[in-house]
Every structure is written in structure tokens, then in C-alpha cells.
Amino acid sequence: MTLPPPPVPARERSFLAFDFGTRRVGVASGNRLLGRGQGLQTIAAEGDARFAAIARLVDEWRPDALVVGVPRHPDGAEHDNTRRARRFARQLHGRFRLPVHEVDERYSTVEVLAEGARDADAAAAAILLTQYLNGLTEDDDAAA
């Protein structure tokens, strides 16, 4: 049995979200007020170059927290990219000392490709963030 995630503190108002990939990472921004994500860009870099680009975005947008899409098989089972995305989430937390929340990212890329998105990775990150923001509850808003 999986426990629900703890409430998200109300002080976490603005977010950057990441659609993790081994070669590219889509990035979106959003906040509780608007309740949706907006694609920013795709980072086509690996290793330290990837984190340098993310650091510039964190400095520019000053988010209160980060959101990472974690992929799974259609039946919910984990696979190699699930573990890679979780590792990426831990690295973000370690480097930027911001809270990092995970969201199920199944079918986000399929959805944006069907819609004809020009930057599929950033659009997928926006969908992830919108899903995350829509999942926040009144308990989350009341949390200190």
C-alpha cells in the first residue's frame, strides 16, 4: 500500500518542472495562482552542462520548489528511466536545496506530440506541472 504524499506547504507558490530524458530535459514554469505550467525550453545537454543550464533557470525564475516527471510502464511498474528520473530529482535537490516533488509522467509526451507541439519536451514539462498543480488540495494550501 502506498501512502499519499505529504501536503505541499502553501509557501511553495512557484515551480519549475522537468521532463527528464537522458539526452534532453524539457523545462516549464508555473505557479499556484494560475494553476498551470507553461513550457520554457528544452535543455539539450548532459552532465555538468545540463546542471549549469538549470542553475541559470533557477537563478532567473527563483522557484520555491521543483517538480520532476517520473515515467512508469502503463501498468505502473518501474523501469530504468524511472530510476534515472528519481536520481535526477535527488541531484536537483542536492544541488539547489529546493524541495523536489515527483509526478507521474505517463503519456505526457504522447499527448503533446498528438497536439503538434513545436517543443515537445518543454510542452510535456508544462503538462506535468499542470497535473501537479491540479493535484494540490486544500490541505496543501493550509499546510504551513
Protein backbone atom coordinates (compact mmCIF):
# COMPACT_ATOMS: atom_id res chain seq x y z
CA MET A 1 0.00 0.00 0.00
CA THR A 2 1.35 3.41 -0.97
CA LEU A 3 0.81 6.35 1.30
CA PRO A 4 -0.30 9.66 -0.17
CA PRO A 5 2.43 12.28 -0.42
CA PRO A 6 2.65 14.75 2.45
CA PRO A 7 0.88 18.09 1.97
CA VAL A 8 2.77 20.69 -0.03
CA PRO A 9 3.43 23.78 2.06
CA ALA A 10 1.49 26.86 0.97
CA ARG A 11 4.74 28.82 0.87
CA GLU A 12 5.64 26.79 -2.23
CA ARG A 13 3.93 29.01 -4.77
CA SER A 14 6.16 28.95 -7.85
CA PHE A 15 7.66 25.92 -9.55
CA LEU A 16 9.98 24.79 -12.29
CA ALA A 17 9.13 21.40 -13.76
CA PHE A 18 11.35 18.99 -15.66
CA ASP A 19 10.50 16.31 -18.21
CA PHE A 20 13.67 14.26 -17.77
CA GLY A 21 15.37 12.48 -20.64
CA THR A 22 18.85 11.08 -20.99
CA ARG A 23 19.65 13.48 -23.86
CA ARG A 24 17.15 16.31 -23.35
CA VAL A 25 15.24 17.83 -20.44
CA GLY A 26 12.08 19.83 -21.04
CA VAL A 27 11.51 22.73 -18.63
CA ALA A 28 8.32 24.56 -17.67
CA SER A 29 7.38 27.17 -15.11
CA GLY A 30 4.14 27.73 -13.27
CA ASN A 31 2.53 28.78 -10.04
CA ARG A 32 -0.43 28.08 -7.80
CA LEU A 33 -2.22 31.28 -8.77
CA LEU A 34 -2.58 30.36 -12.45
CA GLY A 35 -2.69 26.62 -11.75
CA ARG A 36 -0.93 25.60 -14.94
CA GLY A 37 2.51 25.11 -16.41
CA GLN A 38 4.00 26.95 -19.36
CA GLY A 39 6.82 25.45 -21.40
CA LEU A 40 10.07 27.39 -21.27
CA GLN A 41 12.70 25.47 -23.19
CA THR A 42 14.45 22.18 -23.76
CA ILE A 43 17.95 21.69 -22.43
CA ALA A 44 19.92 19.53 -24.85
CA ALA A 45 22.91 18.84 -22.65
CA GLU A 46 24.22 16.19 -20.30
CA GLY A 47 26.20 16.13 -17.04
CA ASP A 48 27.56 19.40 -15.70
CA ALA A 49 26.40 21.37 -18.77
CA ARG A 50 22.82 20.28 -18.06
CA PHE A 51 23.03 21.42 -14.45
CA ALA A 52 24.68 24.72 -15.43
CA ALA A 53 21.72 25.47 -17.72
CA ILE A 54 19.28 24.50 -14.97
CA ALA A 55 21.17 26.72 -12.49
CA ARG A 56 20.65 29.69 -14.82
CA LEU A 57 16.92 28.98 -14.94
CA VAL A 58 16.72 28.58 -11.15
CA ASP A 59 18.52 31.92 -10.75
CA GLU A 60 16.22 33.61 -13.26
CA TRP A 61 12.87 32.19 -12.12
CA ARG A 62 13.61 31.74 -8.39
CA PRO A 63 11.14 28.87 -7.87
CA ASP A 64 10.01 27.80 -4.41
CA ALA A 65 10.14 24.12 -5.44
CA LEU A 66 10.85 21.81 -8.37
CA VAL A 67 8.74 19.10 -10.00
CA VAL A 68 10.16 16.11 -11.87
CA GLY A 69 8.19 13.79 -14.12
CA VAL A 70 8.84 10.14 -13.28
CA PRO A 71 8.00 7.66 -16.06
CA ARG A 72 6.48 4.24 -15.49
CA HIS A 73 5.17 1.41 -17.61
CA PRO A 74 1.44 1.63 -18.43
CA ASP A 75 0.73 -0.85 -15.60
CA GLY A 76 2.59 1.39 -13.12
CA ALA A 77 5.71 -0.77 -12.93
CA GLU A 78 9.08 0.95 -12.71
CA HIS A 79 11.78 0.67 -15.36
CA ASP A 80 15.31 2.01 -15.95
CA ASN A 81 14.13 5.54 -16.78
CA THR A 82 12.06 5.60 -13.58
CA ARG A 83 15.25 5.15 -11.60
CA ARG A 84 17.13 7.67 -13.76
CA ALA A 85 14.43 10.32 -13.26
CA ARG A 86 14.44 9.76 -9.50
CA ARG A 87 18.22 10.08 -9.46
CA PHE A 88 17.89 13.33 -11.41
CA ALA A 89 15.35 14.55 -8.81
CA ARG A 90 17.79 13.76 -5.99
CA GLN A 91 20.57 15.58 -7.85
CA LEU A 92 18.37 18.66 -8.26
CA HIS A 93 17.62 18.66 -4.55
CA GLY A 94 21.29 18.23 -3.68
CA ARG A 95 22.48 20.99 -5.99
CA PHE A 96 19.78 23.60 -5.46
CA ARG A 97 18.50 22.78 -1.95
CA LEU A 98 14.89 23.19 -3.07
CA PRO A 99 12.03 20.80 -2.36
CA VAL A 100 11.56 18.38 -5.28
CA HIS A 101 8.20 16.74 -5.96
CA GLU A 102 7.64 13.81 -8.29
CA VAL A 103 4.68 13.43 -10.63
CA ASP A 104 3.63 10.52 -12.84
CA GLU A 105 4.55 11.41 -16.39
CA ARG A 106 2.99 8.54 -18.31
CA TYR A 107 1.74 9.64 -21.75
CA SER A 108 2.70 13.32 -21.41
CA THR A 109 4.99 13.23 -24.46
CA VAL A 110 2.45 11.24 -26.47
CA GLU A 111 -0.17 13.88 -25.65
CA VAL A 112 1.94 16.85 -26.75
CA LEU A 113 3.08 15.11 -29.93
CA ALA A 114 -0.58 14.45 -30.80
CA GLU A 115 -1.25 18.16 -30.28
CA GLY A 116 1.64 19.08 -32.63
CA ALA A 117 3.79 20.89 -30.06
CA ARG A 118 6.86 22.59 -31.53
CA ASP A 119 8.97 21.87 -28.45
CA ALA A 120 7.62 18.53 -27.24
CA ASP A 121 9.91 18.27 -24.22
CA ALA A 122 9.03 21.71 -22.82
CA ALA A 123 5.34 21.12 -23.59
CA ALA A 124 5.49 17.78 -21.75
CA ALA A 125 7.06 19.55 -18.75
CA ALA A 126 4.16 22.03 -18.84
CA ILE A 127 1.64 19.17 -18.80
CA LEU A 128 3.46 17.57 -15.86
CA LEU A 129 3.40 20.80 -13.92
CA THR A 130 -0.27 21.43 -14.70
CA GLN A 131 -1.10 17.90 -13.49
CA TYR A 132 0.89 18.54 -10.33
CA LEU A 133 -0.77 21.90 -9.64
CA ASN A 134 -4.23 20.43 -10.31
CA GLY A 135 -3.46 17.68 -7.80
CA LEU A 136 -2.81 20.10 -4.95
CA THR A 137 -5.58 20.05 -2.38
CA GLU A 138 -6.94 22.43 0.20
CA ASP A 139 -4.85 20.52 2.75
CA ASP A 140 -1.80 21.52 0.72
CA ASP A 141 -2.87 25.16 0.74
CA ALA A 142 -3.40 25.06 4.51
CA ALA A 143 -0.08 23.34 5.25
CA ALA A 144 2.44 25.53 6.99
